[in-house]
Structure formats: C-alpha cells, structure tokens
Amino acid sequence: MSYRVDVRREVVRALKRLPVREAKRIVAAIDDLAETPRPSNVKKLRGGLGWRLRVGEYRLIYLIFDRERLVTVEQIERRTTHTYD
C-alpha cells in the first residue's frame, strides 16, 4: 500500500532552478518515497520532526504521516562543505 506524496510549492520552484540531470534524480527519489517512505539511507532529524534523504549533493527534508499515509516534502537544500581555518 503506497503513500501519497505532497510537494510544497517552494520545493517545486527550487527543482525548476536546478540542472535537469539533478532535478530528475531528485524527482525519482521523491517518487520512490510513495512506496518506501523510510529507505535505508534516510536519517531522522533531531527533535523527532522530519526525515532527511540525501540525493547526490542535495538533501530532501520531509515529514511522514503514517495514519494518513502521506509524505510531505518540505524542503530541498544543497549540501555545503565547510572549511574552517
């Protein structure tokens, strides 16, 4: 039994600004969340609110509502590497 996946407008706008190759990878990962909302490479965020999925250089932040069988993609972020001197 699959979940319904909702994507916030901000995420859709962010996807449109990405290179096509990256956007396709992220869309495929979002589609996979309908069947497997907790894949093996997902991490629970601190505080118990939300999940993080890495897709290449990007992170998807999303919520899972098991009773409603709903996944809501809240945010997409590019991973940054920090250099400290």
C-alpha atoms as a PDB file:
ATOM      1  CA  MET A   1       0.000   0.000   0.000  1.00  0.00           C
ATOM      2  CA  SER A   2       1.610   3.248  -1.110  1.00  0.00           C
ATOM      3  CA  TYR A   3       1.705   6.687   0.430  1.00  0.00           C
ATOM      4  CA  ARG A   4       0.519   9.898  -1.184  1.00  0.00           C
ATOM      5  CA  VAL A   5       3.372  12.373  -1.733  1.00  0.00           C
ATOM      6  CA  ASP A   6       2.779  16.121  -1.487  1.00  0.00           C
ATOM      7  CA  VAL A   7       5.492  18.568  -2.504  1.00  0.00           C
ATOM      8  CA  ARG A   8       5.469  22.158  -1.261  1.00  0.00           C
ATOM      9  CA  ARG A   9       5.499  24.927  -3.859  1.00  0.00           C
ATOM     10  CA  GLU A  10       8.893  26.145  -2.668  1.00  0.00           C
ATOM     11  CA  VAL A  11      10.358  22.733  -3.462  1.00  0.00           C
ATOM     12  CA  VAL A  12       8.823  22.739  -6.949  1.00  0.00           C
ATOM     13  CA  ARG A  13      10.309  26.189  -7.595  1.00  0.00           C
ATOM     14  CA  ALA A  14      13.710  25.043  -6.347  1.00  0.00           C
ATOM     15  CA  LEU A  15      13.581  21.993  -8.623  1.00  0.00           C
ATOM     16  CA  LYS A  16      12.935  24.201 -11.653  1.00  0.00           C
ATOM     17  CA  ARG A  17      16.142  26.130 -10.916  1.00  0.00           C
ATOM     18  CA  LEU A  18      18.319  23.006 -10.758  1.00  0.00           C
ATOM     19  CA  PRO A  19      20.191  21.407 -13.645  1.00  0.00           C
ATOM     20  CA  VAL A  20      17.958  18.908 -15.459  1.00  0.00           C
ATOM     21  CA  ARG A  21      20.071  15.886 -14.507  1.00  0.00           C
ATOM     22  CA  GLU A  22      19.959  16.721 -10.789  1.00  0.00           C
ATOM     23  CA  ALA A  23      16.254  17.561 -10.894  1.00  0.00           C
ATOM     24  CA  LYS A  24      15.466  14.183 -12.496  1.00  0.00           C
ATOM     25  CA  ARG A  25      17.385  12.326  -9.773  1.00  0.00           C
ATOM     26  CA  ILE A  26      15.540  14.221  -7.057  1.00  0.00           C
ATOM     27  CA  VAL A  27      12.129  13.702  -8.669  1.00  0.00           C
ATOM     28  CA  ALA A  28      12.862   9.973  -8.922  1.00  0.00           C
ATOM     29  CA  ALA A  29      13.778   9.907  -5.216  1.00  0.00           C
ATOM     30  CA  ILE A  30      10.556  11.755  -4.355  1.00  0.00           C
ATOM     31  CA  ASP A  31       8.539   9.265  -6.408  1.00  0.00           C
ATOM     32  CA  ASP A  32      10.223   6.375  -4.570  1.00  0.00           C
ATOM     33  CA  LEU A  33       9.056   7.818  -1.232  1.00  0.00           C
ATOM     34  CA  ALA A  34       5.490   6.792  -2.158  1.00  0.00           C
ATOM     35  CA  GLU A  35       6.486   3.119  -1.944  1.00  0.00           C
ATOM     36  CA  THR A  36       9.233   3.341   0.671  1.00  0.00           C
ATOM     37  CA  PRO A  37       8.940   6.429   2.894  1.00  0.00           C
ATOM     38  CA  ARG A  38      11.844   5.244   5.068  1.00  0.00           C
ATOM     39  CA  PRO A  39      14.557   3.958   2.710  1.00  0.00           C
ATOM     40  CA  SER A  40      17.777   2.565   4.164  1.00  0.00           C
ATOM     41  CA  ASN A  41      19.780   5.769   3.612  1.00  0.00           C
ATOM     42  CA  VAL A  42      17.328   8.088   5.391  1.00  0.00           C
ATOM     43  CA  LYS A  43      18.039   9.738   8.742  1.00  0.00           C
ATOM     44  CA  LYS A  44      15.611  11.010  11.350  1.00  0.00           C
ATOM     45  CA  LEU A  45      16.164  14.647  12.218  1.00  0.00           C
ATOM     46  CA  ARG A  46      16.938  15.718  15.755  1.00  0.00           C
ATOM     47  CA  GLY A  47      13.900  16.591  17.793  1.00  0.00           C
ATOM     48  CA  GLY A  48      11.886  13.912  16.045  1.00  0.00           C
ATOM     49  CA  LEU A  49      10.463  16.255  13.425  1.00  0.00           C
ATOM     50  CA  GLY A  50      11.063  15.041   9.930  1.00  0.00           C
ATOM     51  CA  TRP A  51      13.432  12.925   7.921  1.00  0.00           C
ATOM     52  CA  ARG A  52      16.452  13.692   5.740  1.00  0.00           C
ATOM     53  CA  LEU A  53      17.262  11.917   2.498  1.00  0.00           C
ATOM     54  CA  ARG A  54      20.482  12.584   0.616  1.00  0.00           C
ATOM     55  CA  VAL A  55      20.278  12.652  -3.170  1.00  0.00           C
ATOM     56  CA  GLY A  56      23.689  13.449  -4.604  1.00  0.00           C
ATOM     57  CA  GLU A  57      24.646  16.930  -3.425  1.00  0.00           C
ATOM     58  CA  TYR A  58      21.134  17.691  -2.208  1.00  0.00           C
ATOM     59  CA  ARG A  59      19.065  16.893   0.855  1.00  0.00           C
ATOM     60  CA  LEU A  60      15.336  16.367   0.946  1.00  0.00           C
ATOM     61  CA  ILE A  61      13.634  17.230   4.221  1.00  0.00           C
ATOM     62  CA  TYR A  62      10.235  15.606   4.580  1.00  0.00           C
ATOM     63  CA  LEU A  63       7.553  14.558   7.036  1.00  0.00           C
ATOM     64  CA  ILE A  64       5.770  11.216   7.238  1.00  0.00           C
ATOM     65  CA  PHE A  65       2.176  10.905   8.423  1.00  0.00           C
ATOM     66  CA  ASP A  66       1.556   7.172   8.760  1.00  0.00           C
ATOM     67  CA  ARG A  67      -2.121   7.373   9.722  1.00  0.00           C
ATOM     68  CA  GLU A  68      -2.942   9.408   6.624  1.00  0.00           C
ATOM     69  CA  ARG A  69      -0.374   7.504   4.523  1.00  0.00           C
ATOM     70  CA  LEU A  70       1.093  10.829   3.471  1.00  0.00           C
ATOM     71  CA  VAL A  71       4.628  12.070   2.814  1.00  0.00           C
ATOM     72  CA  THR A  72       5.127  15.845   2.606  1.00  0.00           C
ATOM     73  CA  VAL A  73       8.364  17.114   1.050  1.00  0.00           C
ATOM     74  CA  GLU A  74       9.085  20.318   2.946  1.00  0.00           C
ATOM     75  CA  GLN A  75      12.463  21.475   1.733  1.00  0.00           C
ATOM     76  CA  ILE A  76      15.330  20.809  -0.640  1.00  0.00           C
ATOM     77  CA  GLU A  77      18.811  22.021   0.241  1.00  0.00           C
ATOM     78  CA  ARG A  78      22.181  21.795  -1.387  1.00  0.00           C
ATOM     79  CA  ARG A  79      24.764  20.206   0.860  1.00  0.00           C
ATOM     80  CA  THR A  80      27.611  22.538   1.652  1.00  0.00           C
ATOM     81  CA  THR A  81      31.130  21.691   2.632  1.00  0.00           C
ATOM     82  CA  HIS A  82      32.515  23.763   5.440  1.00  0.00           C
ATOM     83  CA  THR A  83      36.135  24.750   5.508  1.00  0.00           C
ATOM     84  CA  TYR A  84      37.456  26.043   8.768  1.00  0.00           C
ATOM     85  CA  ASP A  85      40.788  27.807   9.135  1.00  0.00           C
END
